[in-house]
């Protein structure tokens, strides 16, 4: 195998690893977001588990975080929580999730 082919395989492995890691971080962040919203809405543990799953599923609607943001915003519309606060919490929880995979 030539050094070019070896480098190419190495880049492919790194790309796959990075994508897998990003998926895990996003899923963990979505879990934390689901827990946060569940606390605000006063859900019991069963309802919280269902809600967390709905947040995780919402993330598959489109690329990026806007699908999750829209879901959370809609679910919190009666709780007087600003878009800025939601985005700040999403960023905070994303950093928390990232730190758990380092």
PDB file of N, CA and C in Angstrom:
ATOM      1  N   UNK A   1       0.853  -1.176   0.000  1.00  0.00           N
ATOM      2  CA  UNK A   1       0.000   0.000   0.000  1.00  0.00           C
ATOM      3  C   UNK A   1       0.900   1.241   0.000  1.00  0.00           C
ATOM      4  N   UNK A   2       0.594   2.166  -0.849  1.00  0.00           N
ATOM      5  CA  UNK A   2       1.405   3.378  -0.930  1.00  0.00           C
ATOM      6  C   UNK A   2       1.110   4.301   0.251  1.00  0.00           C
ATOM      7  N   UNK A   3       2.013   5.230   0.490  1.00  0.00           N
ATOM      8  CA  UNK A   3       1.813   6.153   1.607  1.00  0.00           C
ATOM      9  C   UNK A   3       0.575   7.023   1.370  1.00  0.00           C
ATOM     10  N   UNK A   4       0.272   7.319   0.112  1.00  0.00           N
ATOM     11  CA  UNK A   4      -0.932   8.092  -0.191  1.00  0.00           C
ATOM     12  C   UNK A   4      -2.180   7.315   0.220  1.00  0.00           C
ATOM     13  N   UNK A   5      -2.233   6.045  -0.103  1.00  0.00           N
ATOM     14  CA  UNK A   5      -3.386   5.212   0.270  1.00  0.00           C
ATOM     15  C   UNK A   5      -3.498   5.081   1.785  1.00  0.00           C
ATOM     16  N   UNK A   6      -2.348   4.967   2.451  1.00  0.00           N
ATOM     17  CA  UNK A   6      -2.353   4.876   3.907  1.00  0.00           C
ATOM     18  C   UNK A   6      -2.893   6.172   4.525  1.00  0.00           C
ATOM     19  N   UNK A   7      -2.445   7.298   3.985  1.00  0.00           N
ATOM     20  CA  UNK A   7      -2.947   8.585   4.475  1.00  0.00           C
ATOM     21  C   UNK A   7      -4.441   8.723   4.228  1.00  0.00           C
ATOM     22  N   UNK A   8      -4.870   8.300   3.055  1.00  0.00           N
ATOM     23  CA  UNK A   8      -6.290   8.383   2.720  1.00  0.00           C
ATOM     24  C   UNK A   8      -7.118   7.550   3.701  1.00  0.00           C
ATOM     25  N   UNK A   9      -6.689   6.346   3.988  1.00  0.00           N
ATOM     26  CA  UNK A   9      -7.403   5.488   4.941  1.00  0.00           C
ATOM     27  C   UNK A   9      -7.397   6.104   6.335  1.00  0.00           C
ATOM     28  N   UNK A  10      -6.284   6.714   6.689  1.00  0.00           N
ATOM     29  CA  UNK A  10      -6.172   7.363   7.986  1.00  0.00           C
ATOM     30  C   UNK A  10      -7.167   8.519   8.096  1.00  0.00           C
ATOM     31  N   UNK A  11      -7.277   9.332   7.044  1.00  0.00           N
ATOM     32  CA  UNK A  11      -8.235  10.436   7.038  1.00  0.00           C
ATOM     33  C   UNK A  11      -9.672   9.923   7.093  1.00  0.00           C
ATOM     34  N   UNK A  12      -9.942   8.837   6.385  1.00  0.00           N
ATOM     35  CA  UNK A  12     -11.287   8.257   6.408  1.00  0.00           C
ATOM     36  C   UNK A  12     -11.647   7.780   7.812  1.00  0.00           C
ATOM     37  N   UNK A  13     -10.687   7.126   8.483  1.00  0.00           N
ATOM     38  CA  UNK A  13     -10.937   6.647   9.848  1.00  0.00           C
ATOM     39  C   UNK A  13     -11.165   7.809  10.793  1.00  0.00           C
ATOM     40  N   UNK A  14     -10.366   8.863  10.659  1.00  0.00           N
ATOM     41  CA  UNK A  14     -10.519  10.029  11.523  1.00  0.00           C
ATOM     42  C   UNK A  14     -11.873  10.692  11.283  1.00  0.00           C
ATOM     43  N   UNK A  15     -12.267  10.823  10.031  1.00  0.00           N
ATOM     44  CA  UNK A  15     -13.556  11.420   9.705  1.00  0.00           C
ATOM     45  C   UNK A  15     -14.692  10.600  10.331  1.00  0.00           C
ATOM     46  N   UNK A  16     -14.640   9.286  10.183  1.00  0.00           N
ATOM     47  CA  UNK A  16     -15.682   8.417  10.744  1.00  0.00           C
ATOM     48  C   UNK A  16     -15.716   8.545  12.266  1.00  0.00           C
ATOM     49  N   UNK A  17     -14.548   8.582  12.879  1.00  0.00           N
ATOM     50  CA  UNK A  17     -14.469   8.730  14.334  1.00  0.00           C
ATOM     51  C   UNK A  17     -15.061  10.068  14.774  1.00  0.00           C
ATOM     52  N   UNK A  18     -14.700  11.148  14.077  1.00  0.00           N
ATOM     53  CA  UNK A  18     -15.205  12.477  14.421  1.00  0.00           C
ATOM     54  C   UNK A  18     -16.722  12.559  14.270  1.00  0.00           C
ATOM     55  N   UNK A  19     -17.249  11.956  13.218  1.00  0.00           N
ATOM     56  CA  UNK A  19     -18.701  11.955  13.001  1.00  0.00           C
ATOM     57  C   UNK A  19     -19.422  11.170  14.100  1.00  0.00           C
ATOM     58  N   UNK A  20     -18.865  10.038  14.470  1.00  0.00           N
ATOM     59  CA  UNK A  20     -19.456   9.228  15.522  1.00  0.00           C
ATOM     60  C   UNK A  20     -19.430   9.982  16.852  1.00  0.00           C
ATOM     61  N   UNK A  21     -18.325  10.630  17.134  1.00  0.00           N
ATOM     62  CA  UNK A  21     -18.199  11.401  18.360  1.00  0.00           C
ATOM     63  C   UNK A  21     -19.212  12.543  18.391  1.00  0.00           C
ATOM     64  N   UNK A  22     -19.366  13.251  17.283  1.00  0.00           N
ATOM     65  CA  UNK A  22     -20.326  14.353  17.217  1.00  0.00           C
ATOM     66  C   UNK A  22     -21.754  13.846  17.428  1.00  0.00           C
ATOM     67  N   UNK A  23     -22.067  12.688  16.875  1.00  0.00           N
ATOM     68  CA  UNK A  23     -23.392  12.095  17.063  1.00  0.00           C
ATOM     69  C   UNK A  23     -23.632  11.802  18.547  1.00  0.00           C
ATOM     70  N   UNK A  24     -22.633  11.226  19.208  1.00  0.00           N
ATOM     71  CA  UNK A  24     -22.764  10.894  20.625  1.00  0.00           C
ATOM     72  C   UNK A  24     -22.911  12.155  21.476  1.00  0.00           C
ATOM     73  N   UNK A  25     -22.137  13.183  21.162  1.00  0.00           N
ATOM     74  CA  UNK A  25     -22.223  14.450  21.897  1.00  0.00           C
ATOM     75  C   UNK A  25     -23.611  15.054  21.716  1.00  0.00           C
ATOM     76  N   UNK A  26     -24.113  15.078  20.495  1.00  0.00           N
ATOM     77  CA  UNK A  26     -25.444  15.638  20.238  1.00  0.00           C
ATOM     78  C   UNK A  26     -26.533  14.869  20.976  1.00  0.00           C
ATOM     79  N   UNK A  27     -26.444  13.551  20.959  1.00  0.00           N
ATOM     80  CA  UNK A  27     -27.444  12.735  21.653  1.00  0.00           C
ATOM     81  C   UNK A  27     -27.399  12.990  23.159  1.00  0.00           C
ATOM     82  N   UNK A  28     -26.206  13.097  23.706  1.00  0.00           N
ATOM     83  CA  UNK A  28     -26.069  13.370  25.145  1.00  0.00           C
ATOM     84  C   UNK A  28     -26.607  14.768  25.473  1.00  0.00           C
ATOM     85  N   UNK A  29     -26.277  15.748  24.628  1.00  0.00           N
ATOM     86  CA  UNK A  29     -26.787  17.104  24.840  1.00  0.00           C
ATOM     87  C   UNK A  29     -28.317  17.110  24.797  1.00  0.00           C
ATOM     88  N   UNK A  30     -28.883  16.394  23.847  1.00  0.00           N
ATOM     89  CA  UNK A  30     -30.344  16.337  23.733  1.00  0.00           C
ATOM     90  C   UNK A  30     -30.972  15.692  24.959  1.00  0.00           C
ATOM     91  N   UNK A  31     -30.291  14.707  25.516  1.00  0.00           N
ATOM     92  CA  UNK A  31     -30.770  14.087  26.759  1.00  0.00           C
ATOM     93  C   UNK A  31     -30.803  15.128  27.867  1.00  0.00           C
ATOM     94  N   UNK A  32     -29.737  15.887  27.993  1.00  0.00           N
ATOM     95  CA  UNK A  32     -29.680  16.912  29.029  1.00  0.00           C
ATOM     96  C   UNK A  32     -30.729  18.001  28.802  1.00  0.00           C
ATOM     97  N   UNK A  33     -30.940  18.371  27.561  1.00  0.00           N
ATOM     98  CA  UNK A  33     -31.972  19.365  27.246  1.00  0.00           C
ATOM     99  C   UNK A  33     -33.342  18.825  27.649  1.00  0.00           C
ATOM    100  N   UNK A  34     -33.583  17.562  27.318  1.00  0.00           N
ATOM    101  CA  UNK A  34     -34.846  16.930  27.699  1.00  0.00           C
ATOM    102  C   UNK A  34     -35.045  16.915  29.205  1.00  0.00           C
ATOM    103  N   UNK A  35     -33.971  16.656  29.948  1.00  0.00           N
ATOM    104  CA  UNK A  35     -34.063  16.668  31.410  1.00  0.00           C
ATOM    105  C   UNK A  35     -34.367  18.076  31.922  1.00  0.00           C
ATOM    106  N   UNK A  36     -33.685  19.061  31.348  1.00  0.00           N
ATOM    107  CA  UNK A  36     -33.886  20.451  31.760  1.00  0.00           C
ATOM    108  C   UNK A  36     -35.332  20.888  31.537  1.00  0.00           C
ATOM    109  N   UNK A  37     -35.848  20.629  30.337  1.00  0.00           N
ATOM    110  CA  UNK A  37     -37.224  21.018  30.023  1.00  0.00           C
ATOM    111  C   UNK A  37     -38.212  20.232  30.896  1.00  0.00           C
ATOM    112  N   UNK A  38     -37.936  18.961  31.117  1.00  0.00           N
ATOM    113  CA  UNK A  38     -38.816  18.141  31.956  1.00  0.00           C
ATOM    114  C   UNK A  38     -38.923  18.705  33.372  1.00  0.00           C
ATOM    115  N   UNK A  39     -37.813  19.193  33.904  1.00  0.00           N
ATOM    116  CA  UNK A  39     -37.841  19.804  35.239  1.00  0.00           C
ATOM    117  C   UNK A  39     -38.713  21.054  35.238  1.00  0.00           C
ATOM    118  N   UNK A  40     -38.549  21.872  34.214  1.00  0.00           N
ATOM    119  CA  UNK A  40     -39.348  23.098  34.114  1.00  0.00           C
ATOM    120  C   UNK A  40     -40.832  22.767  34.031  1.00  0.00           C
ATOM    121  N   UNK A  41     -41.156  21.736  33.253  1.00  0.00           N
ATOM    122  CA  UNK A  41     -42.562  21.363  33.038  1.00  0.00           C
ATOM    123  C   UNK A  41     -43.121  20.472  34.154  1.00  0.00           C
ATOM    124  N   UNK A  42     -42.262  20.051  35.079  1.00  0.00           N
ATOM    125  CA  UNK A  42     -42.712  19.262  36.220  1.00  0.00           C
ATOM    126  C   UNK A  42     -43.095  17.834  35.895  1.00  0.00           C
ATOM    127  N   UNK A  43     -42.420  17.239  34.932  1.00  0.00           N
ATOM    128  CA  UNK A  43     -42.732  15.856  34.541  1.00  0.00           C
ATOM    129  C   UNK A  43     -42.235  14.862  35.583  1.00  0.00           C
ATOM    130  N   UNK A  44     -42.983  13.749  35.728  1.00  0.00           N
ATOM    131  CA  UNK A  44     -42.490  12.651  36.552  1.00  0.00           C
ATOM    132  C   UNK A  44     -41.455  11.864  35.749  1.00  0.00           C
ATOM    133  N   UNK A  45     -40.829  10.863  36.350  1.00  0.00           N
ATOM    134  CA  UNK A  45     -39.714  10.176  35.685  1.00  0.00           C
ATOM    135  C   UNK A  45     -40.133   9.462  34.401  1.00  0.00           C
ATOM    136  N   UNK A  46     -41.331   8.892  34.361  1.00  0.00           N
ATOM    137  CA  UNK A  46     -41.783   8.220  33.135  1.00  0.00           C
ATOM    138  C   UNK A  46     -42.010   9.230  32.013  1.00  0.00           C
ATOM    139  N   UNK A  47     -42.672  10.322  32.348  1.00  0.00           N
ATOM    140  CA  UNK A  47     -42.937  11.365  31.357  1.00  0.00           C
ATOM    141  C   UNK A  47     -41.617  12.003  30.904  1.00  0.00           C
ATOM    142  N   UNK A  48     -40.667  12.131  31.821  1.00  0.00           N
ATOM    143  CA  UNK A  48     -39.355  12.687  31.474  1.00  0.00           C
ATOM    144  C   UNK A  48     -38.645  11.793  30.454  1.00  0.00           C
ATOM    145  N   UNK A  49     -38.677  10.493  30.661  1.00  0.00           N
ATOM    146  CA  UNK A  49     -38.043   9.559  29.714  1.00  0.00           C
ATOM    147  C   UNK A  49     -38.667   9.681  28.325  1.00  0.00           C
ATOM    148  N   UNK A  50     -39.987   9.764  28.277  1.00  0.00           N
ATOM    149  CA  UNK A  50     -40.682   9.938  26.999  1.00  0.00           C
ATOM    150  C   UNK A  50     -40.273  11.251  26.339  1.00  0.00           C
ATOM    151  N   UNK A  51     -40.205  12.296  27.150  1.00  0.00           N
ATOM    152  CA  UNK A  51     -39.865  13.611  26.603  1.00  0.00           C
ATOM    153  C   UNK A  51     -38.431  13.621  26.067  1.00  0.00           C
ATOM    154  N   UNK A  52     -37.510  13.032  26.802  1.00  0.00           N
ATOM    155  CA  UNK A  52     -36.116  12.965  26.341  1.00  0.00           C
ATOM    156  C   UNK A  52     -36.057  12.273  24.986  1.00  0.00           C
ATOM    157  N   UNK A  53     -36.789  11.190  24.830  1.00  0.00           N
ATOM    158  CA  UNK A  53     -36.810  10.481  23.550  1.00  0.00           C
ATOM    159  C   UNK A  53     -37.388  11.363  22.440  1.00  0.00           C
ATOM    160  N   UNK A  54     -38.377  12.169  22.777  1.00  0.00           N
ATOM    161  CA  UNK A  54     -38.965  13.046  21.759  1.00  0.00           C
ATOM    162  C   UNK A  54     -37.978  14.133  21.332  1.00  0.00           C
ATOM    163  N   UNK A  55     -37.163  14.608  22.257  1.00  0.00           N
ATOM    164  CA  UNK A  55     -36.143  15.605  21.910  1.00  0.00           C
ATOM    165  C   UNK A  55     -35.078  14.961  21.016  1.00  0.00           C
ATOM    166  N   UNK A  56     -34.646  13.764  21.377  1.00  0.00           N
ATOM    167  CA  UNK A  56     -33.642  13.056  20.572  1.00  0.00           C
ATOM    168  C   UNK A  56     -34.179  12.813  19.163  1.00  0.00           C
ATOM    169  N   UNK A  57     -35.433  12.393  19.057  1.00  0.00           N
ATOM    170  CA  UNK A  57     -36.036  12.156  17.741  1.00  0.00           C
ATOM    171  C   UNK A  57     -36.182  13.446  16.944  1.00  0.00           C
ATOM    172  N   UNK A  58     -36.472  14.541  17.634  1.00  0.00           N
ATOM    173  CA  UNK A  58     -36.626  15.829  16.946  1.00  0.00           C
ATOM    174  C   UNK A  58     -35.339  16.233  16.245  1.00  0.00           C
ATOM    175  N   UNK A  59     -34.207  15.813  16.782  1.00  0.00           N
ATOM    176  CA  UNK A  59     -32.915  16.184  16.202  1.00  0.00           C
ATOM    177  C   UNK A  59     -32.693  15.540  14.841  1.00  0.00           C
ATOM    178  N   UNK A  60     -33.459  14.528  14.501  1.00  0.00           N
ATOM    179  CA  UNK A  60     -33.309  13.859  13.207  1.00  0.00           C
ATOM    180  C   UNK A  60     -34.126  14.530  12.104  1.00  0.00           C
ATOM    181  N   UNK A  61     -34.890  15.554  12.443  1.00  0.00           N
ATOM    182  CA  UNK A  61     -35.749  16.212  11.455  1.00  0.00           C
ATOM    183  C   UNK A  61     -34.937  16.920  10.374  1.00  0.00           C
ATOM    184  N   UNK A  62     -33.819  17.531  10.773  1.00  0.00           N
ATOM    185  CA  UNK A  62     -32.969  18.236   9.812  1.00  0.00           C
ATOM    186  C   UNK A  62     -31.563  18.355  10.392  1.00  0.00           C
ATOM    187  N   UNK A  63     -30.633  18.716   9.556  1.00  0.00           N
ATOM    188  CA  UNK A  63     -29.259  18.900  10.023  1.00  0.00           C
ATOM    189  C   UNK A  63     -29.186  20.140  10.918  1.00  0.00           C
ATOM    190  N   UNK A  64     -28.303  20.096  11.890  1.00  0.00           N
ATOM    191  CA  UNK A  64     -28.139  21.240  12.777  1.00  0.00           C
ATOM    192  C   UNK A  64     -29.023  21.144  14.003  1.00  0.00           C
ATOM    193  N   UNK A  65     -29.022  22.227  14.770  1.00  0.00           N
ATOM    194  CA  UNK A  65     -29.718  22.236  16.053  1.00  0.00           C
ATOM    195  C   UNK A  65     -31.067  22.946  16.037  1.00  0.00           C
ATOM    196  N   UNK A  66     -31.431  23.538  14.911  1.00  0.00           N
ATOM    197  CA  UNK A  66     -32.662  24.328  14.871  1.00  0.00           C
ATOM    198  C   UNK A  66     -33.909  23.492  15.120  1.00  0.00           C
ATOM    199  N   UNK A  67     -33.897  22.234  14.717  1.00  0.00           N
ATOM    200  CA  UNK A  67     -35.060  21.382  14.953  1.00  0.00           C
ATOM    201  C   UNK A  67     -35.283  21.170  16.448  1.00  0.00           C
ATOM    202  N   UNK A  68     -34.203  20.964  17.187  1.00  0.00           N
ATOM    203  CA  UNK A  68     -34.313  20.795  18.639  1.00  0.00           C
ATOM    204  C   UNK A  68     -34.741  22.117  19.281  1.00  0.00           C
ATOM    205  N   UNK A  69     -34.134  23.201  18.844  1.00  0.00           N
ATOM    206  CA  UNK A  69     -34.489  24.514  19.382  1.00  0.00           C
ATOM    207  C   UNK A  69     -35.978  24.793  19.205  1.00  0.00           C
ATOM    208  N   UNK A  70     -36.490  24.559  17.999  1.00  0.00           N
ATOM    209  CA  UNK A  70     -37.914  24.819  17.735  1.00  0.00           C
ATOM    210  C   UNK A  70     -38.815  23.972  18.633  1.00  0.00           C
ATOM    211  N   UNK A  71     -38.468  22.714  18.816  1.00  0.00           N
ATOM    212  CA  UNK A  71     -39.270  21.835  19.675  1.00  0.00           C
ATOM    213  C   UNK A  71     -39.290  22.357  21.105  1.00  0.00           C
ATOM    214  N   UNK A  72     -38.109  22.653  21.627  1.00  0.00           N
ATOM    215  CA  UNK A  72     -38.016  23.130  23.011  1.00  0.00           C
ATOM    216  C   UNK A  72     -38.750  24.466  23.167  1.00  0.00           C
ATOM    217  N   UNK A  73     -38.550  25.347  22.204  1.00  0.00           N
ATOM    218  CA  UNK A  73     -39.222  26.656  22.261  1.00  0.00           C
ATOM    219  C   UNK A  73     -40.738  26.471  22.299  1.00  0.00           C
ATOM    220  N   UNK A  74     -41.251  25.614  21.454  1.00  0.00           N
ATOM    221  CA  UNK A  74     -42.699  25.357  21.413  1.00  0.00           C
ATOM    222  C   UNK A  74     -43.176  24.757  22.737  1.00  0.00           C
ATOM    223  N   UNK A  75     -42.413  23.821  23.279  1.00  0.00           N
ATOM    224  CA  UNK A  75     -42.818  23.161  24.516  1.00  0.00           C
ATOM    225  C   UNK A  75     -42.747  24.092  25.725  1.00  0.00           C
ATOM    226  N   UNK A  76     -41.887  25.108  25.643  1.00  0.00           N
ATOM    227  CA  UNK A  76     -41.725  26.043  26.759  1.00  0.00           C
ATOM    228  C   UNK A  76     -42.456  27.370  26.551  1.00  0.00           C
ATOM    229  N   UNK A  77     -43.277  27.458  25.506  1.00  0.00           N
ATOM    230  CA  UNK A  77     -43.900  28.743  25.154  1.00  0.00           C
ATOM    231  C   UNK A  77     -44.729  29.343  26.290  1.00  0.00           C
ATOM    232  N   UNK A  78     -45.285  28.535  27.162  1.00  0.00           N
ATOM    233  CA  UNK A  78     -46.111  29.045  28.258  1.00  0.00           C
ATOM    234  C   UNK A  78     -45.312  29.291  29.538  1.00  0.00           C
ATOM    235  N   UNK A  79     -43.997  29.165  29.469  1.00  0.00           N
ATOM    236  CA  UNK A  79     -43.170  29.275  30.666  1.00  0.00           C
ATOM    237  C   UNK A  79     -42.275  30.510  30.694  1.00  0.00           C
ATOM    238  N   UNK A  80     -42.511  31.441  29.781  1.00  0.00           N
ATOM    239  CA  UNK A  80     -41.799  32.715  29.790  1.00  0.00           C
ATOM    240  C   UNK A  80     -40.269  32.544  29.755  1.00  0.00           C
ATOM    241  N   UNK A  81     -39.785  31.659  28.884  1.00  0.00           N
ATOM    242  CA  UNK A  81     -38.345  31.447  28.721  1.00  0.00           C
ATOM    243  C   UNK A  81     -37.967  31.961  27.337  1.00  0.00           C
ATOM    244  N   UNK A  82     -36.996  32.873  27.311  1.00  0.00           N
ATOM    245  CA  UNK A  82     -36.611  33.539  26.065  1.00  0.00           C
ATOM    246  C   UNK A  82     -35.814  32.619  25.140  1.00  0.00           C
ATOM    247  N   UNK A  83     -35.808  32.984  23.857  1.00  0.00           N
ATOM    248  CA  UNK A  83     -34.992  32.262  22.880  1.00  0.00           C
ATOM    249  C   UNK A  83     -33.534  32.278  23.312  1.00  0.00           C
ATOM    250  N   UNK A  84     -33.089  33.431  23.805  1.00  0.00           N
ATOM    251  CA  UNK A  84     -31.697  33.569  24.234  1.00  0.00           C
ATOM    252  C   UNK A  84     -31.363  32.603  25.366  1.00  0.00           C
ATOM    253  N   UNK A  85     -32.272  32.462  26.312  1.00  0.00           N
ATOM    254  CA  UNK A  85     -32.042  31.546  27.429  1.00  0.00           C
ATOM    255  C   UNK A  85     -31.989  30.097  26.948  1.00  0.00           C
ATOM    256  N   UNK A  86     -32.867  29.750  26.017  1.00  0.00           N
ATOM    257  CA  UNK A  86     -32.866  28.382  25.470  1.00  0.00           C
ATOM    258  C   UNK A  86     -31.548  28.113  24.746  1.00  0.00           C
ATOM    259  N   UNK A  87     -31.134  29.039  23.889  1.00  0.00           N
ATOM    260  CA  UNK A  87     -29.880  28.852  23.147  1.00  0.00           C
ATOM    261  C   UNK A  87     -28.674  28.787  24.089  1.00  0.00           C
ATOM    262  N   UNK A  88     -28.678  29.622  25.096  1.00  0.00           N
ATOM    263  CA  UNK A  88     -27.581  29.616  26.071  1.00  0.00           C
ATOM    264  C   UNK A  88     -27.518  28.260  26.775  1.00  0.00           C
ATOM    265  N   UNK A  89     -28.673  27.741  27.177  1.00  0.00           N
ATOM    266  CA  UNK A  89     -28.727  26.445  27.858  1.00  0.00           C
ATOM    267  C   UNK A  89     -28.282  25.327  26.911  1.00  0.00           C
ATOM    268  N   UNK A  90     -28.706  25.395  25.640  1.00  0.00           N
ATOM    269  CA  UNK A  90     -28.284  24.386  24.669  1.00  0.00           C
ATOM    270  C   UNK A  90     -26.766  24.397  24.509  1.00  0.00           C
ATOM    271  N   UNK A  91     -26.166  25.586  24.433  1.00  0.00           N
ATOM    272  CA  UNK A  91     -24.712  25.686  24.308  1.00  0.00           C
ATOM    273  C   UNK A  91     -24.015  25.156  25.554  1.00  0.00           C
ATOM    274  N   UNK A  92     -24.539  25.521  26.704  1.00  0.00           N
ATOM    275  CA  UNK A  92     -23.970  25.057  27.972  1.00  0.00           C
ATOM    276  C   UNK A  92     -24.004  23.529  28.061  1.00  0.00           C
ATOM    277  N   UNK A  93     -25.144  22.957  27.710  1.00  0.00           N
ATOM    278  CA  UNK A  93     -25.288  21.502  27.788  1.00  0.00           C
ATOM    279  C   UNK A  93     -24.474  20.792  26.711  1.00  0.00           C
ATOM    280  N   UNK A  94     -24.264  21.449  25.580  1.00  0.00           N
ATOM    281  CA  UNK A  94     -23.403  20.885  24.540  1.00  0.00           C
ATOM    282  C   UNK A  94     -21.963  20.806  25.049  1.00  0.00           C
ATOM    283  N   UNK A  95     -21.502  21.851  25.717  1.00  0.00           N
ATOM    284  CA  UNK A  95     -20.149  21.852  26.278  1.00  0.00           C
ATOM    285  C   UNK A  95     -20.011  20.781  27.359  1.00  0.00           C
ATOM    286  N   UNK A  96     -21.044  20.626  28.173  1.00  0.00           N
ATOM    287  CA  UNK A  96     -21.035  19.582  29.200  1.00  0.00           C
ATOM    288  C   UNK A  96     -20.914  18.201  28.550  1.00  0.00           C
ATOM    289  N   UNK A  97     -21.707  17.967  27.503  1.00  0.00           N
ATOM    290  CA  UNK A  97     -21.664  16.683  26.796  1.00  0.00           C
ATOM    291  C   UNK A  97     -20.297  16.450  26.162  1.00  0.00           C
ATOM    292  N   UNK A  98     -19.734  17.482  25.534  1.00  0.00           N
ATOM    293  CA  UNK A  98     -18.394  17.349  24.921  1.00  0.00           C
ATOM    294  C   UNK A  98     -17.355  16.954  25.948  1.00  0.00           C
ATOM    295  N   UNK A  99     -17.423  17.577  27.118  1.00  0.00           N
ATOM    296  CA  UNK A  99     -16.410  17.322  28.151  1.00  0.00           C
ATOM    297  C   UNK A  99     -16.476  15.874  28.643  1.00  0.00           C
ATOM    298  N   UNK A 100     -17.622  15.246  28.532  1.00  0.00           N
ATOM    299  CA  UNK A 100     -17.763  13.867  28.976  1.00  0.00           C
ATOM    300  C   UNK A 100     -17.170  12.856  28.006  1.00  0.00           C
ATOM    301  N   UNK A 101     -16.850  13.295  26.791  1.00  0.00           N
ATOM    302  CA  UNK A 101     -16.287  12.388  25.796  1.00  0.00           C
ATOM    303  C   UNK A 101     -14.807  12.651  25.548  1.00  0.00           C
ATOM    304  N   UNK A 102     -14.188  13.479  26.363  1.00  0.00           N
ATOM    305  CA  UNK A 102     -12.753  13.767  26.183  1.00  0.00           C
ATOM    306  C   UNK A 102     -11.912  12.835  26.986  1.00  0.00           C
TER     307      UNK A 102
END
